[in-house]
Amino acid sequence: MDAWIDLFTSLSGLLSLGIIAFVCVMAAYILRLALRNIREER
């Protein structure tokens, strides 16, 4: 339980959450871009 508190309250925890969110958004964007390109080639 202490890990969750540290994750949301400490600076390093908040930076980690920001990086995780950024990677998820970037992966979704790249996936959408790739799927659109595959559809256009058909």
Protein backbone atom coordinates (compact mmCIF):
# COMPACT_ATOMS: atom_id res chain seq x y z
CA MET A 1 0.00 0.00 0.00
CA ASP A 2 2.90 2.34 0.67
CA ALA A 3 4.00 1.95 -2.94
CA TRP A 4 0.71 3.41 -4.19
CA ILE A 5 1.04 6.37 -1.82
CA ASP A 6 4.61 6.99 -2.99
CA LEU A 7 3.53 6.67 -6.63
CA PHE A 8 0.94 9.43 -6.37
CA THR A 9 2.67 11.76 -3.93
CA SER A 10 6.41 11.75 -4.61
CA LEU A 11 8.04 13.60 -7.47
CA SER A 12 9.65 10.48 -8.92
CA GLY A 13 6.33 8.63 -8.74
CA LEU A 14 4.51 11.40 -10.58
CA LEU A 15 7.24 11.53 -13.22
CA SER A 16 6.89 7.76 -13.66
CA LEU A 17 3.14 8.11 -14.12
CA GLY A 18 3.71 10.83 -16.69
CA ILE A 19 6.15 8.68 -18.64
CA ILE A 20 3.79 5.68 -18.55
CA ALA A 21 0.92 7.83 -19.82
CA PHE A 22 3.10 9.34 -22.56
CA VAL A 23 4.23 5.90 -23.77
CA CYS A 24 0.62 4.64 -23.87
CA VAL A 25 -0.54 7.68 -25.87
CA MET A 26 2.42 7.37 -28.25
CA ALA A 27 1.73 3.64 -28.78
CA ALA A 28 -1.94 4.33 -29.54
CA TYR A 29 -0.97 7.04 -32.04
CA ILE A 30 1.55 4.81 -33.83
CA LEU A 31 -0.94 1.93 -33.93
CA ARG A 32 -3.64 4.18 -35.39
CA LEU A 33 -1.20 5.55 -37.95
CA ALA A 34 -0.05 2.07 -38.98
CA LEU A 35 -3.60 0.75 -39.30
CA ARG A 36 -4.61 3.73 -41.43
CA ASN A 37 -1.62 3.18 -43.74
CA ILE A 38 -2.39 -0.52 -44.07
CA ARG A 39 -6.01 0.27 -44.98
CA GLU A 40 -4.92 2.81 -47.62
CA GLU A 41 -2.58 0.33 -49.31
CA ARG A 42 -5.33 -2.21 -49.96
